[in-house]
């Protein structure tokens, strides 16, 4: 098991040194430093949570509430810092999906042998 942990540490370090990981961290920092971006996200999350709560309680969702969520989604979508974060997240996830696929492929090969 020590060998596997050692390899995982090396993999983690290698991932941490990639451009994709560094762009993700930079984008996260930009969002944290951008009050408008944080407010847009917080407002959207709160509105979506309210709607989810009402749905789970079987209460009707008012058209004004749906419009508010749509407006907040547009605000999030149009925020440059959040767009940068979304792109960085997508790039990072694509890399991690490839890593996971590679690991799964190797496990499948080892299990057949």
N, C-alpha and C. Protein backbone atom coordinates (compact mmCIF):
# COMPACT_ATOMS: atom_id res chain seq x y z
N UNK A 1 0.82 -1.19 0.00
CA UNK A 1 0.00 0.00 0.00
C UNK A 1 0.86 1.26 0.00
N UNK A 2 2.02 1.21 0.64
CA UNK A 2 2.90 2.37 0.68
C UNK A 2 3.28 2.83 -0.73
N UNK A 3 3.49 1.87 -1.62
CA UNK A 3 3.85 2.22 -3.00
C UNK A 3 2.71 2.97 -3.67
N UNK A 4 1.46 2.54 -3.46
CA UNK A 4 0.30 3.20 -4.05
C UNK A 4 0.17 4.61 -3.50
N UNK A 5 0.34 4.79 -2.19
CA UNK A 5 0.25 6.12 -1.58
C UNK A 5 1.35 7.01 -2.12
N UNK A 6 2.53 6.47 -2.26
CA UNK A 6 3.65 7.25 -2.82
C UNK A 6 3.35 7.71 -4.24
N UNK A 7 2.79 6.81 -5.04
CA UNK A 7 2.43 7.17 -6.40
C UNK A 7 1.30 8.21 -6.41
N UNK A 8 0.35 8.09 -5.50
CA UNK A 8 -0.73 9.07 -5.40
C UNK A 8 -0.19 10.44 -5.03
N UNK A 9 0.79 10.47 -4.13
CA UNK A 9 1.42 11.75 -3.76
C UNK A 9 2.10 12.37 -4.97
N UNK A 10 2.81 11.55 -5.75
CA UNK A 10 3.48 12.05 -6.95
C UNK A 10 2.46 12.55 -7.97
N UNK A 11 1.35 11.81 -8.13
CA UNK A 11 0.30 12.23 -9.06
C UNK A 11 -0.30 13.56 -8.60
N UNK A 12 -0.60 13.67 -7.31
CA UNK A 12 -1.16 14.91 -6.77
C UNK A 12 -0.23 16.09 -7.00
N UNK A 13 1.05 15.89 -6.78
CA UNK A 13 2.03 16.95 -7.01
C UNK A 13 2.07 17.32 -8.49
N UNK A 14 2.05 16.33 -9.36
CA UNK A 14 2.08 16.59 -10.81
C UNK A 14 0.83 17.36 -11.25
N UNK A 15 -0.33 16.98 -10.72
CA UNK A 15 -1.56 17.69 -11.05
C UNK A 15 -1.46 19.13 -10.57
N UNK A 16 -0.94 19.32 -9.37
CA UNK A 16 -0.79 20.66 -8.81
C UNK A 16 0.14 21.56 -9.60
N UNK A 17 0.99 20.97 -10.41
CA UNK A 17 1.94 21.74 -11.22
C UNK A 17 1.42 22.04 -12.63
N UNK A 18 0.23 21.55 -12.97
CA UNK A 18 -0.29 21.77 -14.32
C UNK A 18 -0.84 23.17 -14.49
N UNK A 19 -0.84 23.64 -15.72
CA UNK A 19 -1.43 24.94 -16.05
C UNK A 19 -2.91 24.95 -15.71
N UNK A 20 -3.59 23.85 -15.98
CA UNK A 20 -5.03 23.80 -15.73
C UNK A 20 -5.35 23.99 -14.25
N UNK A 21 -4.59 23.34 -13.39
CA UNK A 21 -4.82 23.49 -11.95
C UNK A 21 -4.51 24.92 -11.51
N UNK A 22 -3.42 25.47 -12.01
CA UNK A 22 -3.05 26.83 -11.63
C UNK A 22 -4.05 27.86 -12.14
N UNK A 23 -4.57 27.67 -13.35
CA UNK A 23 -5.61 28.58 -13.86
C UNK A 23 -6.89 28.48 -13.01
N UNK A 24 -7.21 27.28 -12.58
CA UNK A 24 -8.39 27.10 -11.72
C UNK A 24 -8.21 27.86 -10.41
N UNK A 25 -7.07 27.72 -9.77
CA UNK A 25 -6.82 28.42 -8.51
C UNK A 25 -6.85 29.94 -8.70
N UNK A 26 -6.26 30.41 -9.80
CA UNK A 26 -6.27 31.85 -10.08
C UNK A 26 -7.70 32.35 -10.29
N UNK A 27 -8.49 31.60 -11.01
CA UNK A 27 -9.87 31.99 -11.27
C UNK A 27 -10.68 31.99 -9.97
N UNK A 28 -10.45 31.01 -9.12
CA UNK A 28 -11.14 30.98 -7.82
C UNK A 28 -10.78 32.20 -6.98
N UNK A 29 -9.52 32.57 -7.03
CA UNK A 29 -9.06 33.75 -6.27
C UNK A 29 -9.72 35.02 -6.82
N UNK A 30 -9.81 35.13 -8.15
CA UNK A 30 -10.45 36.30 -8.74
C UNK A 30 -11.91 36.43 -8.31
N UNK A 31 -12.61 35.31 -8.26
CA UNK A 31 -14.01 35.34 -7.84
C UNK A 31 -14.10 35.74 -6.37
N UNK A 32 -13.21 35.21 -5.54
CA UNK A 32 -13.24 35.57 -4.12
C UNK A 32 -12.97 37.05 -3.90
N UNK A 33 -12.17 37.64 -4.77
CA UNK A 33 -11.83 39.06 -4.64
C UNK A 33 -12.84 39.97 -5.32
N UNK A 34 -13.79 39.40 -6.05
CA UNK A 34 -14.77 40.17 -6.82
C UNK A 34 -16.12 40.14 -6.09
N UNK A 35 -16.45 41.25 -5.44
CA UNK A 35 -17.69 41.32 -4.65
C UNK A 35 -18.92 41.08 -5.51
N UNK A 36 -18.93 41.62 -6.74
CA UNK A 36 -20.08 41.43 -7.63
C UNK A 36 -20.28 39.96 -7.98
N UNK A 37 -19.18 39.27 -8.25
CA UNK A 37 -19.27 37.85 -8.60
C UNK A 37 -19.78 37.04 -7.41
N UNK A 38 -19.23 37.29 -6.23
CA UNK A 38 -19.67 36.56 -5.04
C UNK A 38 -21.14 36.81 -4.75
N UNK A 39 -21.58 38.08 -4.88
CA UNK A 39 -22.97 38.41 -4.62
C UNK A 39 -23.88 37.73 -5.63
N UNK A 40 -23.49 37.73 -6.90
CA UNK A 40 -24.30 37.08 -7.93
C UNK A 40 -24.47 35.60 -7.62
N UNK A 41 -23.39 34.94 -7.25
CA UNK A 41 -23.46 33.52 -6.91
C UNK A 41 -24.31 33.28 -5.67
N UNK A 42 -24.07 34.08 -4.64
CA UNK A 42 -24.82 33.92 -3.39
C UNK A 42 -26.31 34.12 -3.62
N UNK A 43 -26.66 35.16 -4.38
CA UNK A 43 -28.07 35.44 -4.64
C UNK A 43 -28.72 34.31 -5.44
N UNK A 44 -28.00 33.81 -6.44
CA UNK A 44 -28.54 32.70 -7.24
C UNK A 44 -28.72 31.45 -6.39
N UNK A 45 -27.73 31.12 -5.60
CA UNK A 45 -27.83 29.93 -4.76
C UNK A 45 -28.99 30.04 -3.79
N UNK A 46 -29.19 31.22 -3.21
CA UNK A 46 -30.29 31.42 -2.26
C UNK A 46 -31.64 31.28 -2.96
N UNK A 47 -31.77 31.87 -4.14
CA UNK A 47 -33.03 31.77 -4.88
C UNK A 47 -33.32 30.34 -5.30
N UNK A 48 -32.29 29.63 -5.74
CA UNK A 48 -32.48 28.24 -6.14
C UNK A 48 -32.82 27.36 -4.92
N UNK A 49 -32.22 27.65 -3.78
CA UNK A 49 -32.52 26.90 -2.57
C UNK A 49 -33.97 27.13 -2.14
N UNK A 50 -34.44 28.37 -2.27
CA UNK A 50 -35.84 28.67 -1.93
C UNK A 50 -36.80 27.88 -2.81
N UNK A 51 -36.50 27.85 -4.10
CA UNK A 51 -37.37 27.11 -5.03
C UNK A 51 -37.31 25.62 -4.73
N UNK A 52 -36.13 25.09 -4.48
CA UNK A 52 -36.00 23.66 -4.16
C UNK A 52 -36.77 23.32 -2.89
N UNK A 53 -36.69 24.19 -1.90
CA UNK A 53 -37.42 23.95 -0.66
C UNK A 53 -38.93 23.93 -0.92
N UNK A 54 -39.40 24.91 -1.70
CA UNK A 54 -40.84 24.96 -2.01
C UNK A 54 -41.27 23.71 -2.78
N UNK A 55 -40.45 23.28 -3.74
CA UNK A 55 -40.78 22.09 -4.52
C UNK A 55 -40.87 20.86 -3.61
N UNK A 56 -39.93 20.75 -2.69
CA UNK A 56 -39.93 19.58 -1.80
C UNK A 56 -41.13 19.60 -0.84
N UNK A 57 -41.63 20.81 -0.55
CA UNK A 57 -42.79 20.94 0.32
C UNK A 57 -44.10 20.91 -0.46
N UNK A 58 -44.00 20.81 -1.79
CA UNK A 58 -45.19 20.76 -2.63
C UNK A 58 -45.87 22.11 -2.78
N UNK A 59 -45.13 23.17 -2.51
CA UNK A 59 -45.70 24.52 -2.64
C UNK A 59 -45.49 25.02 -4.06
N UNK A 60 -46.39 25.87 -4.54
CA UNK A 60 -46.24 26.38 -5.91
C UNK A 60 -45.08 27.38 -6.01
N UNK A 61 -44.48 27.39 -7.19
CA UNK A 61 -43.42 28.34 -7.50
C UNK A 61 -44.06 29.46 -8.32
N UNK A 62 -43.93 30.67 -7.84
CA UNK A 62 -44.54 31.82 -8.49
C UNK A 62 -43.74 32.22 -9.73
N UNK A 63 -44.40 32.75 -10.75
CA UNK A 63 -43.69 33.22 -11.94
C UNK A 63 -42.60 34.25 -11.61
N UNK A 64 -42.88 35.12 -10.65
CA UNK A 64 -41.86 36.12 -10.27
C UNK A 64 -40.60 35.44 -9.74
N UNK A 65 -40.77 34.34 -9.02
CA UNK A 65 -39.61 33.61 -8.50
C UNK A 65 -38.81 32.98 -9.64
N UNK A 66 -39.52 32.44 -10.61
CA UNK A 66 -38.84 31.85 -11.77
C UNK A 66 -38.10 32.91 -12.56
N UNK A 67 -38.73 34.07 -12.72
CA UNK A 67 -38.08 35.18 -13.44
C UNK A 67 -36.83 35.64 -12.69
N UNK A 68 -36.94 35.72 -11.38
CA UNK A 68 -35.80 36.16 -10.55
C UNK A 68 -34.62 35.20 -10.73
N UNK A 69 -34.90 33.91 -10.72
CA UNK A 69 -33.82 32.94 -10.93
C UNK A 69 -33.21 33.11 -12.32
N UNK A 70 -34.04 33.31 -13.32
CA UNK A 70 -33.53 33.50 -14.69
C UNK A 70 -32.65 34.75 -14.76
N UNK A 71 -33.08 35.82 -14.11
CA UNK A 71 -32.29 37.06 -14.09
C UNK A 71 -30.95 36.84 -13.38
N UNK A 72 -30.99 36.13 -12.27
CA UNK A 72 -29.77 35.85 -11.53
C UNK A 72 -28.83 34.95 -12.33
N UNK A 73 -29.41 33.97 -13.04
CA UNK A 73 -28.58 33.11 -13.88
C UNK A 73 -27.90 33.92 -14.98
N UNK A 74 -28.63 34.87 -15.55
CA UNK A 74 -28.04 35.74 -16.58
C UNK A 74 -26.93 36.58 -15.99
N UNK A 75 -27.14 37.08 -14.78
CA UNK A 75 -26.12 37.88 -14.11
C UNK A 75 -24.85 37.07 -13.88
N UNK A 76 -25.02 35.84 -13.44
CA UNK A 76 -23.87 34.96 -13.22
C UNK A 76 -23.19 34.67 -14.55
N UNK A 77 -23.99 34.37 -15.57
CA UNK A 77 -23.45 34.04 -16.88
C UNK A 77 -22.68 35.20 -17.50
N UNK A 78 -23.11 36.42 -17.23
CA UNK A 78 -22.49 37.61 -17.83
C UNK A 78 -21.33 38.16 -17.02
N UNK A 79 -21.05 37.60 -15.86
CA UNK A 79 -19.95 38.08 -15.03
C UNK A 79 -18.64 37.50 -15.55
N UNK A 80 -17.72 38.36 -15.91
CA UNK A 80 -16.46 37.92 -16.52
C UNK A 80 -15.65 37.00 -15.60
N UNK A 81 -15.58 37.33 -14.32
CA UNK A 81 -14.82 36.50 -13.39
C UNK A 81 -15.43 35.10 -13.29
N UNK A 82 -16.76 35.04 -13.29
CA UNK A 82 -17.42 33.74 -13.21
C UNK A 82 -17.30 32.96 -14.51
N UNK A 83 -17.26 33.66 -15.63
CA UNK A 83 -17.04 32.98 -16.92
C UNK A 83 -15.64 32.36 -16.94
N UNK A 84 -14.67 33.12 -16.44
CA UNK A 84 -13.29 32.62 -16.38
C UNK A 84 -13.21 31.40 -15.47
N UNK A 85 -13.90 31.47 -14.34
CA UNK A 85 -13.92 30.33 -13.42
C UNK A 85 -14.58 29.12 -14.07
N UNK A 86 -15.68 29.31 -14.75
CA UNK A 86 -16.37 28.20 -15.40
C UNK A 86 -15.48 27.53 -16.45
N UNK A 87 -14.77 28.33 -17.23
CA UNK A 87 -13.86 27.76 -18.23
C UNK A 87 -12.73 26.98 -17.56
N UNK A 88 -12.17 27.56 -16.49
CA UNK A 88 -11.08 26.90 -15.77
C UNK A 88 -11.56 25.60 -15.14
N UNK A 89 -12.77 25.60 -14.59
CA UNK A 89 -13.33 24.39 -14.00
C UNK A 89 -13.53 23.32 -15.07
N UNK A 90 -14.04 23.72 -16.22
CA UNK A 90 -14.28 22.75 -17.30
C UNK A 90 -12.96 22.14 -17.78
N UNK A 91 -11.93 22.98 -17.94
CA UNK A 91 -10.63 22.48 -18.38
C UNK A 91 -10.02 21.51 -17.36
N UNK A 92 -10.13 21.88 -16.10
CA UNK A 92 -9.60 21.03 -15.03
C UNK A 92 -10.35 19.69 -14.98
N UNK A 93 -11.68 19.76 -15.07
CA UNK A 93 -12.47 18.53 -15.02
C UNK A 93 -12.18 17.63 -16.22
N UNK A 94 -11.95 18.22 -17.37
CA UNK A 94 -11.60 17.42 -18.55
C UNK A 94 -10.29 16.67 -18.29
N UNK A 95 -9.31 17.35 -17.70
CA UNK A 95 -8.04 16.71 -17.38
C UNK A 95 -8.25 15.58 -16.37
N UNK A 96 -9.02 15.86 -15.31
CA UNK A 96 -9.24 14.86 -14.28
C UNK A 96 -10.04 13.67 -14.80
N UNK A 97 -10.97 13.90 -15.71
CA UNK A 97 -11.70 12.80 -16.33
C UNK A 97 -10.75 11.90 -17.12
N UNK A 98 -9.80 12.52 -17.83
CA UNK A 98 -8.82 11.73 -18.58
C UNK A 98 -7.93 10.92 -17.64
N UNK A 99 -7.54 11.53 -16.50
CA UNK A 99 -6.74 10.81 -15.50
C UNK A 99 -7.53 9.63 -14.97
N UNK A 100 -8.79 9.86 -14.60
CA UNK A 100 -9.62 8.78 -14.06
C UNK A 100 -9.86 7.68 -15.09
N UNK A 101 -10.06 8.05 -16.33
CA UNK A 101 -10.25 7.05 -17.39
C UNK A 101 -8.99 6.21 -17.54
N UNK A 102 -7.85 6.84 -17.47
CA UNK A 102 -6.58 6.11 -17.58
C UNK A 102 -6.43 5.12 -16.43
N UNK A 103 -6.77 5.56 -15.22
CA UNK A 103 -6.67 4.67 -14.06
C UNK A 103 -7.64 3.50 -14.21
N UNK A 104 -8.89 3.81 -14.58
CA UNK A 104 -9.88 2.73 -14.75
C UNK A 104 -9.45 1.74 -15.83
N UNK A 105 -8.87 2.25 -16.90
CA UNK A 105 -8.39 1.37 -17.97
C UNK A 105 -7.31 0.43 -17.45
N UNK A 106 -6.40 0.98 -16.67
CA UNK A 106 -5.34 0.15 -16.11
C UNK A 106 -5.88 -0.88 -15.13
N UNK A 107 -6.85 -0.51 -14.35
CA UNK A 107 -7.46 -1.46 -13.42
C UNK A 107 -8.18 -2.57 -14.18
N UNK A 108 -8.85 -2.21 -15.26
CA UNK A 108 -9.52 -3.22 -16.08
C UNK A 108 -8.55 -4.17 -16.71
N UNK A 109 -7.42 -3.67 -17.18
CA UNK A 109 -6.39 -4.49 -17.80
C UNK A 109 -5.80 -5.43 -16.76
N UNK A 110 -5.49 -4.90 -15.58
CA UNK A 110 -4.88 -5.73 -14.51
C UNK A 110 -5.85 -6.81 -14.05
N UNK A 111 -7.13 -6.50 -14.00
CA UNK A 111 -8.11 -7.46 -13.49
C UNK A 111 -8.35 -8.60 -14.49
N UNK A 112 -8.12 -8.36 -15.76
CA UNK A 112 -8.34 -9.39 -16.78
C UNK A 112 -7.18 -10.38 -16.81
N UNK A 113 -5.96 -9.88 -16.45
CA UNK A 113 -4.75 -10.66 -16.61
C UNK A 113 -4.71 -11.84 -15.76
